[in-house]
């Protein structure tokens, strides 16, 4: 990366709109990428610099460019819950179903971190809600791991497969059982979760309950 492009790249990463526009006017490459493959759009999208993201898109920044880990701008913006930026990227043609080297999508990131509005938007714009990462985990599983109840409700209301299993046969109900979340376990059961499913080792959800929670939860799962 030459000095002119580095100045532009750093300005975008630091939220300096005037420096970004000046650099582009002087011929900076809006799609220049760092050594790890990250673009100015990726950096500014993740950091929430809405004005810079809009400017870069207008000046033909590639919204689907990916870094060495196959991460894209919409993944970073979704992870941080920058709803307006996610909207901009989608309107500019960002792939809502792109996945990184671990198979993780924008929806999975937003789900794990509890960004319900972003989750809703991604689903409405075609995100595959039952998409699996390399471990077989889905957005619902991610939300259950992090106990993001509003996201869990949104995913289920939008028709996710509540009984989908990961590569080890584990379900969302099993994860909730391990964590001891009674309210979540009740909600999952009331919405069709199957407590009789077994994982690859023959364990049901009740077998995931830790000893200190067993007395409280056994009535739900036995």
C-alpha atoms as a PDB file:
ATOM      1  CA  UNK A   1       0.000   0.000   0.000  1.00  0.00           C
ATOM      2  CA  UNK A   2       1.538   3.311  -1.071  1.00  0.00           C
ATOM      3  CA  UNK A   3       1.551   6.417   1.113  1.00  0.00           C
ATOM      4  CA  UNK A   4      -1.490   8.052  -0.513  1.00  0.00           C
ATOM      5  CA  UNK A   5      -3.630   4.961  -0.095  1.00  0.00           C
ATOM      6  CA  UNK A   6      -2.376   4.420   3.438  1.00  0.00           C
ATOM      7  CA  UNK A   7      -3.440   7.950   4.349  1.00  0.00           C
ATOM      8  CA  UNK A   8      -6.888   7.251   2.919  1.00  0.00           C
ATOM      9  CA  UNK A   9      -7.144   3.860   4.629  1.00  0.00           C
ATOM     10  CA  UNK A  10      -6.132   5.211   8.030  1.00  0.00           C
ATOM     11  CA  UNK A  11      -8.555   8.119   7.710  1.00  0.00           C
ATOM     12  CA  UNK A  12     -11.430   5.720   7.030  1.00  0.00           C
ATOM     13  CA  UNK A  13     -10.451   3.535   9.980  1.00  0.00           C
ATOM     14  CA  UNK A  14     -10.283   6.572  12.255  1.00  0.00           C
ATOM     15  CA  UNK A  15     -13.522   8.185  11.147  1.00  0.00           C
ATOM     16  CA  UNK A  16     -11.944  11.244   9.529  1.00  0.00           C
ATOM     17  CA  UNK A  17     -14.471  12.050   6.817  1.00  0.00           C
ATOM     18  CA  UNK A  18     -12.741  15.159   5.468  1.00  0.00           C
ATOM     19  CA  UNK A  19      -9.456  13.293   5.076  1.00  0.00           C
ATOM     20  CA  UNK A  20     -11.235  10.405   3.355  1.00  0.00           C
ATOM     21  CA  UNK A  21     -12.968  12.656   0.830  1.00  0.00           C
ATOM     22  CA  UNK A  22      -9.765  14.604   0.195  1.00  0.00           C
ATOM     23  CA  UNK A  23      -7.800  11.428  -0.416  1.00  0.00           C
ATOM     24  CA  UNK A  24     -10.415  10.036  -2.814  1.00  0.00           C
ATOM     25  CA  UNK A  25     -10.461  13.357  -4.684  1.00  0.00           C
ATOM     26  CA  UNK A  26      -6.719  13.003  -5.056  1.00  0.00           C
ATOM     27  CA  UNK A  27      -7.007   9.535  -6.550  1.00  0.00           C
ATOM     28  CA  UNK A  28      -6.909   7.127  -3.625  1.00  0.00           C
ATOM     29  CA  UNK A  29      -8.178   3.618  -4.392  1.00  0.00           C
ATOM     30  CA  UNK A  30     -11.407   3.121  -2.415  1.00  0.00           C
ATOM     31  CA  UNK A  31     -10.931  -0.636  -2.635  1.00  0.00           C
ATOM     32  CA  UNK A  32      -7.359  -0.774  -1.418  1.00  0.00           C
ATOM     33  CA  UNK A  33      -6.828  -3.561   1.121  1.00  0.00           C
ATOM     34  CA  UNK A  34      -4.393  -3.968   3.977  1.00  0.00           C
ATOM     35  CA  UNK A  35      -2.046  -6.905   4.365  1.00  0.00           C
ATOM     36  CA  UNK A  36      -4.780  -8.937   6.022  1.00  0.00           C
ATOM     37  CA  UNK A  37      -7.219  -8.081   3.248  1.00  0.00           C
ATOM     38  CA  UNK A  38      -9.367  -5.573   5.100  1.00  0.00           C
ATOM     39  CA  UNK A  39     -10.723  -2.647   3.120  1.00  0.00           C
ATOM     40  CA  UNK A  40     -11.546   0.890   4.206  1.00  0.00           C
ATOM     41  CA  UNK A  41     -15.238  -0.010   3.945  1.00  0.00           C
ATOM     42  CA  UNK A  42     -14.810  -2.969   6.280  1.00  0.00           C
ATOM     43  CA  UNK A  43     -13.037  -0.860   8.874  1.00  0.00           C
ATOM     44  CA  UNK A  44     -15.463   2.068   8.779  1.00  0.00           C
ATOM     45  CA  UNK A  45     -18.534  -0.210   8.704  1.00  0.00           C
ATOM     46  CA  UNK A  46     -17.452  -2.101  11.801  1.00  0.00           C
ATOM     47  CA  UNK A  47     -16.616   1.095  13.657  1.00  0.00           C
ATOM     48  CA  UNK A  48     -19.944   2.713  12.852  1.00  0.00           C
ATOM     49  CA  UNK A  49     -18.796   5.585  10.652  1.00  0.00           C
ATOM     50  CA  UNK A  50     -22.035   5.968   8.747  1.00  0.00           C
ATOM     51  CA  UNK A  51     -21.042   9.045   6.732  1.00  0.00           C
ATOM     52  CA  UNK A  52     -17.836   7.400   5.528  1.00  0.00           C
ATOM     53  CA  UNK A  53     -19.598   4.159   4.643  1.00  0.00           C
ATOM     54  CA  UNK A  54     -22.146   6.089   2.595  1.00  0.00           C
ATOM     55  CA  UNK A  55     -19.399   8.066   0.857  1.00  0.00           C
ATOM     56  CA  UNK A  56     -17.389   4.948   0.021  1.00  0.00           C
ATOM     57  CA  UNK A  57     -20.424   3.171  -1.382  1.00  0.00           C
ATOM     58  CA  UNK A  58     -21.235   6.181  -3.569  1.00  0.00           C
ATOM     59  CA  UNK A  59     -17.637   6.048  -4.806  1.00  0.00           C
ATOM     60  CA  UNK A  60     -17.916   2.385  -5.810  1.00  0.00           C
ATOM     61  CA  UNK A  61     -16.439   0.595  -2.840  1.00  0.00           C
ATOM     62  CA  UNK A  62     -16.886  -3.159  -3.191  1.00  0.00           C
ATOM     63  CA  UNK A  63     -19.458  -4.098  -0.543  1.00  0.00           C
ATOM     64  CA  UNK A  64     -18.664  -7.794  -0.915  1.00  0.00           C
ATOM     65  CA  UNK A  65     -14.891  -7.586  -0.687  1.00  0.00           C
ATOM     66  CA  UNK A  66     -13.506 -10.040   1.862  1.00  0.00           C
ATOM     67  CA  UNK A  67     -10.373 -10.216   3.969  1.00  0.00           C
ATOM     68  CA  UNK A  68      -8.036 -13.192   4.397  1.00  0.00           C
ATOM     69  CA  UNK A  69     -10.563 -14.784   6.750  1.00  0.00           C
ATOM     70  CA  UNK A  70     -13.405 -14.204   4.250  1.00  0.00           C
ATOM     71  CA  UNK A  71     -15.001 -11.597   6.516  1.00  0.00           C
ATOM     72  CA  UNK A  72     -16.974  -8.831   4.810  1.00  0.00           C
ATOM     73  CA  UNK A  73     -18.202  -5.377   5.746  1.00  0.00           C
ATOM     74  CA  UNK A  74     -21.720  -6.544   6.562  1.00  0.00           C
ATOM     75  CA  UNK A  75     -20.356  -9.062   9.042  1.00  0.00           C
ATOM     76  CA  UNK A  76     -18.518  -6.378  10.968  1.00  0.00           C
ATOM     77  CA  UNK A  77     -21.454  -3.975  10.950  1.00  0.00           C
ATOM     78  CA  UNK A  78     -23.856  -6.726  12.032  1.00  0.00           C
ATOM     79  CA  UNK A  79     -21.564  -7.828  14.847  1.00  0.00           C
ATOM     80  CA  UNK A  80     -21.609  -4.309  16.249  1.00  0.00           C
ATOM     81  CA  UNK A  81     -25.331  -3.765  15.641  1.00  0.00           C
ATOM     82  CA  UNK A  82     -24.875  -0.783  13.321  1.00  0.00           C
ATOM     83  CA  UNK A  83     -28.368  -1.074  11.853  1.00  0.00           C
ATOM     84  CA  UNK A  84     -28.236   1.944   9.511  1.00  0.00           C
ATOM     85  CA  UNK A  85     -24.947   0.762   8.048  1.00  0.00           C
ATOM     86  CA  UNK A  86     -26.247  -2.768   7.580  1.00  0.00           C
ATOM     87  CA  UNK A  87     -29.181  -1.273   5.666  1.00  0.00           C
ATOM     88  CA  UNK A  88     -26.831   0.762   3.474  1.00  0.00           C
ATOM     89  CA  UNK A  89     -24.704  -2.251   2.661  1.00  0.00           C
ATOM     90  CA  UNK A  90     -27.721  -4.389   1.799  1.00  0.00           C
ATOM     91  CA  UNK A  91     -29.139  -1.667  -0.443  1.00  0.00           C
ATOM     92  CA  UNK A  92     -25.764  -1.527  -2.181  1.00  0.00           C
ATOM     93  CA  UNK A  93     -25.831  -5.266  -2.850  1.00  0.00           C
ATOM     94  CA  UNK A  94     -24.060  -6.826   0.123  1.00  0.00           C
ATOM     95  CA  UNK A  95     -24.483 -10.600   0.357  1.00  0.00           C
ATOM     96  CA  UNK A  96     -26.403 -11.261   3.586  1.00  0.00           C
ATOM     97  CA  UNK A  97     -25.484 -14.942   3.414  1.00  0.00           C
ATOM     98  CA  UNK A  98     -21.736 -14.586   2.972  1.00  0.00           C
ATOM     99  CA  UNK A  99     -19.739 -16.660   5.457  1.00  0.00           C
ATOM    100  CA  UNK A 100     -16.208 -16.427   6.784  1.00  0.00           C
ATOM    101  CA  UNK A 101     -13.611 -19.198   6.920  1.00  0.00           C
ATOM    102  CA  UNK A 102     -15.403 -20.686   9.920  1.00  0.00           C
ATOM    103  CA  UNK A 103     -18.765 -20.654   8.165  1.00  0.00           C
ATOM    104  CA  UNK A 104     -20.101 -17.839  10.349  1.00  0.00           C
ATOM    105  CA  UNK A 105     -22.514 -15.331   8.811  1.00  0.00           C
ATOM    106  CA  UNK A 106     -23.643 -11.810   9.655  1.00  0.00           C
ATOM    107  CA  UNK A 107     -26.821 -13.262  11.172  1.00  0.00           C
ATOM    108  CA  UNK A 108     -24.871 -15.514  13.511  1.00  0.00           C
ATOM    109  CA  UNK A 109     -22.776 -12.595  14.723  1.00  0.00           C
ATOM    110  CA  UNK A 110     -25.776 -10.342  15.332  1.00  0.00           C
ATOM    111  CA  UNK A 111     -27.642 -13.171  17.069  1.00  0.00           C
ATOM    112  CA  UNK A 112     -24.822 -13.998  19.469  1.00  0.00           C
ATOM    113  CA  UNK A 113     -24.441 -10.363  20.502  1.00  0.00           C
ATOM    114  CA  UNK A 114     -28.143  -9.660  20.876  1.00  0.00           C
ATOM    115  CA  UNK A 115     -28.737  -7.138  18.094  1.00  0.00           C
ATOM    116  CA  UNK A 116     -32.409  -7.953  17.574  1.00  0.00           C
ATOM    117  CA  UNK A 117     -33.172  -5.187  15.054  1.00  0.00           C
ATOM    118  CA  UNK A 118     -30.221  -6.237  12.940  1.00  0.00           C
ATOM    119  CA  UNK A 119     -31.325  -9.868  13.143  1.00  0.00           C
ATOM    120  CA  UNK A 120     -34.836  -8.903  11.999  1.00  0.00           C
ATOM    121  CA  UNK A 121     -33.489  -6.873   9.101  1.00  0.00           C
ATOM    122  CA  UNK A 122     -31.134  -9.607   7.923  1.00  0.00           C
ATOM    123  CA  UNK A 123     -33.913 -12.194   7.959  1.00  0.00           C
ATOM    124  CA  UNK A 124     -36.274  -9.889   6.068  1.00  0.00           C
ATOM    125  CA  UNK A 125     -33.553  -9.361   3.497  1.00  0.00           C
ATOM    126  CA  UNK A 126     -33.082 -13.057   2.886  1.00  0.00           C
ATOM    127  CA  UNK A 127     -30.572 -14.271   5.456  1.00  0.00           C
ATOM    128  CA  UNK A 128     -30.770 -18.051   5.837  1.00  0.00           C
ATOM    129  CA  UNK A 129     -31.812 -18.462   9.448  1.00  0.00           C
ATOM    130  CA  UNK A 130     -30.865 -22.155   9.616  1.00  0.00           C
ATOM    131  CA  UNK A 131     -27.452 -21.734   7.993  1.00  0.00           C
ATOM    132  CA  UNK A 132     -24.765 -23.726   9.818  1.00  0.00           C
ATOM    133  CA  UNK A 133     -21.149 -22.858  10.535  1.00  0.00           C
ATOM    134  CA  UNK A 134     -18.312 -25.380  10.301  1.00  0.00           C
ATOM    135  CA  UNK A 135     -19.322 -26.806  13.702  1.00  0.00           C
ATOM    136  CA  UNK A 136     -22.944 -27.127  12.620  1.00  0.00           C
ATOM    137  CA  UNK A 137     -24.115 -24.266  14.804  1.00  0.00           C
ATOM    138  CA  UNK A 138     -26.918 -21.943  13.754  1.00  0.00           C
ATOM    139  CA  UNK A 139     -27.955 -18.422  14.693  1.00  0.00           C
ATOM    140  CA  UNK A 140     -30.482 -19.867  17.172  1.00  0.00           C
ATOM    141  CA  UNK A 141     -27.779 -21.884  18.895  1.00  0.00           C
ATOM    142  CA  UNK A 142     -25.566 -18.810  19.095  1.00  0.00           C
ATOM    143  CA  UNK A 143     -28.383 -16.795  20.645  1.00  0.00           C
ATOM    144  CA  UNK A 144     -29.101 -19.569  23.157  1.00  0.00           C
ATOM    145  CA  UNK A 145     -25.430 -19.783  24.124  1.00  0.00           C
ATOM    146  CA  UNK A 146     -25.444 -16.071  24.924  1.00  0.00           C
ATOM    147  CA  UNK A 147     -28.998 -16.038  26.352  1.00  0.00           C
ATOM    148  CA  UNK A 148     -30.196 -13.390  23.917  1.00  0.00           C
ATOM    149  CA  UNK A 149     -33.893 -13.920  24.590  1.00  0.00           C
ATOM    150  CA  UNK A 150     -35.321 -11.247  22.269  1.00  0.00           C
ATOM    151  CA  UNK A 151     -33.217 -12.557  19.410  1.00  0.00           C
ATOM    152  CA  UNK A 152     -34.303 -16.123  20.180  1.00  0.00           C
ATOM    153  CA  UNK A 153     -37.954 -15.044  20.013  1.00  0.00           C
ATOM    154  CA  UNK A 154     -37.382 -13.228  16.722  1.00  0.00           C
ATOM    155  CA  UNK A 155     -35.654 -16.230  15.167  1.00  0.00           C
ATOM    156  CA  UNK A 156     -38.376 -18.639  16.257  1.00  0.00           C
ATOM    157  CA  UNK A 157     -41.155 -16.278  15.141  1.00  0.00           C
ATOM    158  CA  UNK A 158     -39.476 -16.255  11.740  1.00  0.00           C
ATOM    159  CA  UNK A 159     -39.601 -20.011  11.423  1.00  0.00           C
ATOM    160  CA  UNK A 160     -36.163 -21.342  12.330  1.00  0.00           C
ATOM    161  CA  UNK A 161     -35.816 -25.075  12.846  1.00  0.00           C
ATOM    162  CA  UNK A 162     -35.862 -25.252  16.645  1.00  0.00           C
ATOM    163  CA  UNK A 163     -34.691 -28.883  16.621  1.00  0.00           C
ATOM    164  CA  UNK A 164     -31.774 -28.579  14.227  1.00  0.00           C
ATOM    165  CA  UNK A 165     -28.640 -30.328  15.502  1.00  0.00           C
ATOM    166  CA  UNK A 166     -24.980 -29.388  15.226  1.00  0.00           C
ATOM    167  CA  UNK A 167     -22.151 -31.712  14.222  1.00  0.00           C
ATOM    168  CA  UNK A 168     -22.272 -33.333  17.660  1.00  0.00           C
ATOM    169  CA  UNK A 169     -26.039 -33.686  17.637  1.00  0.00           C
ATOM    170  CA  UNK A 170     -26.507 -30.860  20.131  1.00  0.00           C
ATOM    171  CA  UNK A 171     -29.669 -28.728  19.953  1.00  0.00           C
ATOM    172  CA  UNK A 172     -30.646 -25.292  21.200  1.00  0.00           C
ATOM    173  CA  UNK A 173     -32.594 -26.973  24.022  1.00  0.00           C
ATOM    174  CA  UNK A 174     -29.516 -28.901  25.090  1.00  0.00           C
ATOM    175  CA  UNK A 175     -27.484 -25.694  25.232  1.00  0.00           C
ATOM    176  CA  UNK A 176     -30.168 -23.965  27.281  1.00  0.00           C
ATOM    177  CA  UNK A 177     -30.331 -26.971  29.591  1.00  0.00           C
ATOM    178  CA  UNK A 178     -26.601 -26.910  30.199  1.00  0.00           C
ATOM    179  CA  UNK A 179     -26.748 -23.205  31.050  1.00  0.00           C
ATOM    180  CA  UNK A 180     -29.686 -23.711  33.403  1.00  0.00           C
ATOM    181  CA  UNK A 181     -31.976 -21.127  31.822  1.00  0.00           C
ATOM    182  CA  UNK A 182     -35.413 -22.274  33.041  1.00  0.00           C
ATOM    183  CA  UNK A 183     -37.381 -19.509  31.315  1.00  0.00           C
ATOM    184  CA  UNK A 184     -35.627 -20.228  28.041  1.00  0.00           C
ATOM    185  CA  UNK A 185     -36.108 -23.985  28.394  1.00  0.00           C
ATOM    186  CA  UNK A 186     -39.836 -23.452  28.968  1.00  0.00           C
ATOM    187  CA  UNK A 187     -40.033 -21.137  25.969  1.00  0.00           C
ATOM    188  CA  UNK A 188     -38.244 -23.590  23.687  1.00  0.00           C
ATOM    189  CA  UNK A 189     -40.410 -26.494  24.831  1.00  0.00           C
ATOM    190  CA  UNK A 190     -43.580 -24.436  24.316  1.00  0.00           C
ATOM    191  CA  UNK A 191     -42.430 -23.691  20.778  1.00  0.00           C
ATOM    192  CA  UNK A 192     -41.770 -27.243  19.702  1.00  0.00           C
ATOM    193  CA  UNK A 193     -38.348 -28.165  21.050  1.00  0.00           C
ATOM    194  CA  UNK A 194     -38.033 -31.948  21.297  1.00  0.00           C
ATOM    195  CA  UNK A 195     -36.570 -33.029  24.652  1.00  0.00           C
ATOM    196  CA  UNK A 196     -36.305 -36.627  23.421  1.00  0.00           C
ATOM    197  CA  UNK A 197     -33.697 -35.909  20.754  1.00  0.00           C
ATOM    198  CA  UNK A 198     -30.286 -37.392  21.438  1.00  0.00           C
ATOM    199  CA  UNK A 199     -26.815 -36.145  20.574  1.00  0.00           C
ATOM    200  CA  UNK A 200     -24.027 -38.215  19.027  1.00  0.00           C
ATOM    201  CA  UNK A 201     -23.279 -39.786  22.418  1.00  0.00           C
ATOM    202  CA  UNK A 202     -26.887 -40.675  23.165  1.00  0.00           C
ATOM    203  CA  UNK A 203     -27.531 -37.815  25.585  1.00  0.00           C
ATOM    204  CA  UNK A 204     -30.883 -36.028  25.829  1.00  0.00           C
ATOM    205  CA  UNK A 205     -31.392 -32.447  27.002  1.00  0.00           C
ATOM    206  CA  UNK A 206     -31.867 -33.602  30.591  1.00  0.00           C
ATOM    207  CA  UNK A 207     -28.370 -35.083  30.571  1.00  0.00           C
ATOM    208  CA  UNK A 208     -26.949 -31.617  29.873  1.00  0.00           C
ATOM    209  CA  UNK A 209     -28.327 -30.176  33.104  1.00  0.00           C
ATOM    210  CA  UNK A 210     -25.569 -29.526  35.618  1.00  0.00           C
ATOM    211  CA  UNK A 211     -25.934 -30.954  39.100  1.00  0.00           C
ATOM    212  CA  UNK A 212     -26.695 -27.674  40.856  1.00  0.00           C
ATOM    213  CA  UNK A 213     -29.619 -27.010  38.492  1.00  0.00           C
ATOM    214  CA  UNK A 214     -30.999 -30.529  38.281  1.00  0.00           C
ATOM    215  CA  UNK A 215     -33.638 -30.299  41.003  1.00  0.00           C
ATOM    216  CA  UNK A 216     -35.073 -27.133  39.445  1.00  0.00           C
ATOM    217  CA  UNK A 217     -35.125 -28.370  35.857  1.00  0.00           C
ATOM    218  CA  UNK A 218     -35.800 -32.104  35.996  1.00  0.00           C
ATOM    219  CA  UNK A 219     -39.585 -31.589  35.984  1.00  0.00           C
ATOM    220  CA  UNK A 220     -39.338 -29.827  32.626  1.00  0.00           C
ATOM    221  CA  UNK A 221     -37.044 -32.265  30.898  1.00  0.00           C
ATOM    222  CA  UNK A 222     -37.658 -35.696  32.342  1.00  0.00           C
END
